[in-house]
Amino acid sequence: MIDRIDHVVLTVRDIDAAVAFYTRVLGMEAVTFAGGRRALAFGQQKINLQVLGQEVRNHACIGSGDLCLITSWSVQDVLDRLKQENVEVVEGPVAKSGALGPITSVYFNDPDGNLIEVSRYD
């Protein structure tokens, strides 16, 4: 029935600050859609951004996101990029299980406290 995830939504304090972080640190592309909404595109997916209270159908709260993003970069290159951007690693590199098998992951928080995991398949 389900083939893939198209997009996820993160609730943030400041959409412009979130766009700046994800484009600068992770190289995502900022996009605008649906009358001014903002998102971050990468591969065939995107992360839509919303502020608290913008979407009344969910029970969103700031900083509750937990995303695993797959990279083709080496883990050391990811660590070097995070260090260059002054992003504190909260865990990793560490062995984990991804949807398709073993991965090596590095964890950090975005400016709103969402947990971001950047992983590479072994």
C-alpha atoms as a PDB file:
ATOM      1  CA  MET A   1       0.000   0.000   0.000  1.00  0.00           C
ATOM      2  CA  ILE A   2       2.750   2.497   0.949  1.00  0.00           C
ATOM      3  CA  ASP A   3       5.793   3.065  -1.284  1.00  0.00           C
ATOM      4  CA  ARG A   4       7.787   5.811   0.440  1.00  0.00           C
ATOM      5  CA  ILE A   5       7.701   8.948   2.534  1.00  0.00           C
ATOM      6  CA  ASP A   6       7.056  12.075   0.480  1.00  0.00           C
ATOM      7  CA  HIS A   7       7.550  14.691   3.190  1.00  0.00           C
ATOM      8  CA  VAL A   8       7.613  15.215   6.926  1.00  0.00           C
ATOM      9  CA  VAL A   9       6.782  18.373   8.864  1.00  0.00           C
ATOM     10  CA  LEU A  10       8.886  20.011  11.562  1.00  0.00           C
ATOM     11  CA  THR A  11       7.483  22.588  13.945  1.00  0.00           C
ATOM     12  CA  VAL A  12      10.007  25.365  14.541  1.00  0.00           C
ATOM     13  CA  ARG A  13      10.199  28.705  16.353  1.00  0.00           C
ATOM     14  CA  ASP A  14      11.552  30.639  13.387  1.00  0.00           C
ATOM     15  CA  ILE A  15      11.135  29.344   9.850  1.00  0.00           C
ATOM     16  CA  ASP A  16      13.847  31.613   8.405  1.00  0.00           C
ATOM     17  CA  ALA A  17      16.351  30.415  11.033  1.00  0.00           C
ATOM     18  CA  ALA A  18      15.457  26.779  10.304  1.00  0.00           C
ATOM     19  CA  VAL A  19      15.868  27.332   6.560  1.00  0.00           C
ATOM     20  CA  ALA A  20      19.248  28.972   7.158  1.00  0.00           C
ATOM     21  CA  PHE A  21      20.443  26.068   9.350  1.00  0.00           C
ATOM     22  CA  TYR A  22      19.383  23.236   7.047  1.00  0.00           C
ATOM     23  CA  THR A  23      20.621  24.919   3.869  1.00  0.00           C
ATOM     24  CA  ARG A  24      23.960  25.917   5.416  1.00  0.00           C
ATOM     25  CA  VAL A  25      24.745  22.788   7.442  1.00  0.00           C
ATOM     26  CA  LEU A  26      23.129  20.026   5.382  1.00  0.00           C
ATOM     27  CA  GLY A  27      23.018  21.577   1.917  1.00  0.00           C
ATOM     28  CA  MET A  28      19.258  21.267   1.498  1.00  0.00           C
ATOM     29  CA  GLU A  29      17.415  23.469  -0.986  1.00  0.00           C
ATOM     30  CA  ALA A  30      14.961  26.057   0.335  1.00  0.00           C
ATOM     31  CA  VAL A  31      11.633  26.010  -1.508  1.00  0.00           C
ATOM     32  CA  THR A  32       8.435  28.027  -1.234  1.00  0.00           C
ATOM     33  CA  PHE A  33       5.064  26.450  -2.005  1.00  0.00           C
ATOM     34  CA  ALA A  34       1.306  26.766  -1.400  1.00  0.00           C
ATOM     35  CA  GLY A  35       0.966  30.486  -0.915  1.00  0.00           C
ATOM     36  CA  GLY A  36       4.223  31.146   0.901  1.00  0.00           C
ATOM     37  CA  ARG A  37       4.838  28.005   2.971  1.00  0.00           C
ATOM     38  CA  ARG A  38       8.500  27.029   3.292  1.00  0.00           C
ATOM     39  CA  ALA A  39      10.204  23.683   2.931  1.00  0.00           C
ATOM     40  CA  LEU A  40      13.608  22.072   2.559  1.00  0.00           C
ATOM     41  CA  ALA A  41      14.099  19.800  -0.445  1.00  0.00           C
ATOM     42  CA  PHE A  42      16.657  17.034  -0.915  1.00  0.00           C
ATOM     43  CA  GLY A  43      16.620  13.974  -3.165  1.00  0.00           C
ATOM     44  CA  GLN A  44      12.963  13.115  -3.819  1.00  0.00           C
ATOM     45  CA  GLN A  45      11.755  14.286  -0.408  1.00  0.00           C
ATOM     46  CA  LYS A  46      11.172  17.464   1.525  1.00  0.00           C
ATOM     47  CA  ILE A  47      10.726  18.731   5.045  1.00  0.00           C
ATOM     48  CA  ASN A  48       7.864  21.189   5.377  1.00  0.00           C
ATOM     49  CA  LEU A  49       8.260  23.793   8.096  1.00  0.00           C
ATOM     50  CA  GLN A  50       5.531  25.200  10.319  1.00  0.00           C
ATOM     51  CA  VAL A  51       5.349  27.371  13.413  1.00  0.00           C
ATOM     52  CA  LEU A  52       3.502  26.290  16.531  1.00  0.00           C
ATOM     53  CA  GLY A  53      -0.258  26.547  16.024  1.00  0.00           C
ATOM     54  CA  GLN A  54      -0.072  26.813  12.246  1.00  0.00           C
ATOM     55  CA  GLU A  55      -1.538  23.329  11.762  1.00  0.00           C
ATOM     56  CA  VAL A  56      -4.525  22.568  13.982  1.00  0.00           C
ATOM     57  CA  ARG A  57      -4.989  18.943  12.858  1.00  0.00           C
ATOM     58  CA  ASN A  58      -1.902  17.657  14.648  1.00  0.00           C
ATOM     59  CA  HIS A  59      -0.475  17.855  18.149  1.00  0.00           C
ATOM     60  CA  ALA A  60       2.844  19.385  17.129  1.00  0.00           C
ATOM     61  CA  CYS A  61       5.310  20.877  19.534  1.00  0.00           C
ATOM     62  CA  ILE A  62       8.656  22.542  18.971  1.00  0.00           C
ATOM     63  CA  GLY A  63      11.659  20.255  19.197  1.00  0.00           C
ATOM     64  CA  SER A  64       9.813  16.936  19.083  1.00  0.00           C
ATOM     65  CA  GLY A  65      11.124  15.899  15.653  1.00  0.00           C
ATOM     66  CA  ASP A  66      13.500  12.957  15.256  1.00  0.00           C
ATOM     67  CA  LEU A  67      14.744  12.410  11.692  1.00  0.00           C
ATOM     68  CA  CYS A  68      17.234  10.022  10.139  1.00  0.00           C
ATOM     69  CA  LEU A  69      18.775  11.362   6.933  1.00  0.00           C
ATOM     70  CA  ILE A  70      20.937   9.182   4.683  1.00  0.00           C
ATOM     71  CA  THR A  71      24.163  10.562   3.225  1.00  0.00           C
ATOM     72  CA  SER A  72      26.604   9.381   0.593  1.00  0.00           C
ATOM     73  CA  TRP A  73      29.369  11.306   2.391  1.00  0.00           C
ATOM     74  CA  SER A  74      31.848   9.484   4.586  1.00  0.00           C
ATOM     75  CA  VAL A  75      31.103   9.678   8.297  1.00  0.00           C
ATOM     76  CA  GLN A  76      34.335  11.631   8.777  1.00  0.00           C
ATOM     77  CA  ASP A  77      33.247  14.186   6.166  1.00  0.00           C
ATOM     78  CA  VAL A  78      29.932  14.592   8.020  1.00  0.00           C
ATOM     79  CA  LEU A  79      31.784  15.098  11.315  1.00  0.00           C
ATOM     80  CA  ASP A  80      34.127  17.611   9.676  1.00  0.00           C
ATOM     81  CA  ARG A  81      31.174  19.574   8.243  1.00  0.00           C
ATOM     82  CA  LEU A  82      29.396  19.678  11.604  1.00  0.00           C
ATOM     83  CA  LYS A  83      32.579  20.873  13.299  1.00  0.00           C
ATOM     84  CA  GLN A  84      33.091  23.533  10.600  1.00  0.00           C
ATOM     85  CA  GLU A  85      29.527  24.780  11.225  1.00  0.00           C
ATOM     86  CA  ASN A  86      29.927  24.675  15.039  1.00  0.00           C
ATOM     87  CA  VAL A  87      27.225  22.017  15.410  1.00  0.00           C
ATOM     88  CA  GLU A  88      27.702  19.883  18.522  1.00  0.00           C
ATOM     89  CA  VAL A  89      27.529  16.119  17.987  1.00  0.00           C
ATOM     90  CA  VAL A  90      25.432  14.553  20.753  1.00  0.00           C
ATOM     91  CA  GLU A  91      26.199  10.939  19.813  1.00  0.00           C
ATOM     92  CA  GLY A  92      28.261   9.055  17.298  1.00  0.00           C
ATOM     93  CA  PRO A  93      29.552   7.767  15.163  1.00  0.00           C
ATOM     94  CA  VAL A  94      27.548   4.760  16.339  1.00  0.00           C
ATOM     95  CA  ALA A  95      26.272   1.577  14.670  1.00  0.00           C
ATOM     96  CA  LYS A  96      22.495   1.478  14.192  1.00  0.00           C
ATOM     97  CA  SER A  97      19.903  -0.337  12.095  1.00  0.00           C
ATOM     98  CA  GLY A  98      18.375   1.508   9.165  1.00  0.00           C
ATOM     99  CA  ALA A  99      15.385   0.566   7.039  1.00  0.00           C
ATOM    100  CA  LEU A 100      17.658  -1.354   4.639  1.00  0.00           C
ATOM    101  CA  GLY A 101      20.277  -2.709   7.056  1.00  0.00           C
ATOM    102  CA  PRO A 102      23.249  -1.590   9.163  1.00  0.00           C
ATOM    103  CA  ILE A 103      24.107   2.120   9.215  1.00  0.00           C
ATOM    104  CA  THR A 104      26.636   4.325  10.969  1.00  0.00           C
ATOM    105  CA  SER A 105      24.997   7.379  12.505  1.00  0.00           C
ATOM    106  CA  VAL A 106      25.923  10.789  13.862  1.00  0.00           C
ATOM    107  CA  TYR A 107      23.349  12.654  15.998  1.00  0.00           C
ATOM    108  CA  PHE A 108      22.937  16.373  16.632  1.00  0.00           C
ATOM    109  CA  ASN A 109      20.165  18.843  17.389  1.00  0.00           C
ATOM    110  CA  ASP A 110      18.870  21.587  15.122  1.00  0.00           C
ATOM    111  CA  PRO A 111      18.308  25.084  16.589  1.00  0.00           C
ATOM    112  CA  ASP A 112      14.831  24.040  17.812  1.00  0.00           C
ATOM    113  CA  GLY A 113      16.031  20.881  19.563  1.00  0.00           C
ATOM    114  CA  ASN A 114      14.854  18.407  16.929  1.00  0.00           C
ATOM    115  CA  LEU A 115      17.107  15.346  16.919  1.00  0.00           C
ATOM    116  CA  ILE A 116      18.801  14.888  13.551  1.00  0.00           C
ATOM    117  CA  GLU A 117      20.563  11.654  12.681  1.00  0.00           C
ATOM    118  CA  VAL A 118      22.801  11.645   9.592  1.00  0.00           C
ATOM    119  CA  SER A 119      23.635   8.099   8.592  1.00  0.00           C
ATOM    120  CA  ARG A 120      25.565   6.177   5.990  1.00  0.00           C
ATOM    121  CA  TYR A 121      24.848   2.596   4.997  1.00  0.00           C
ATOM    122  CA  ASP A 122      27.808   0.364   5.780  1.00  0.00           C
END
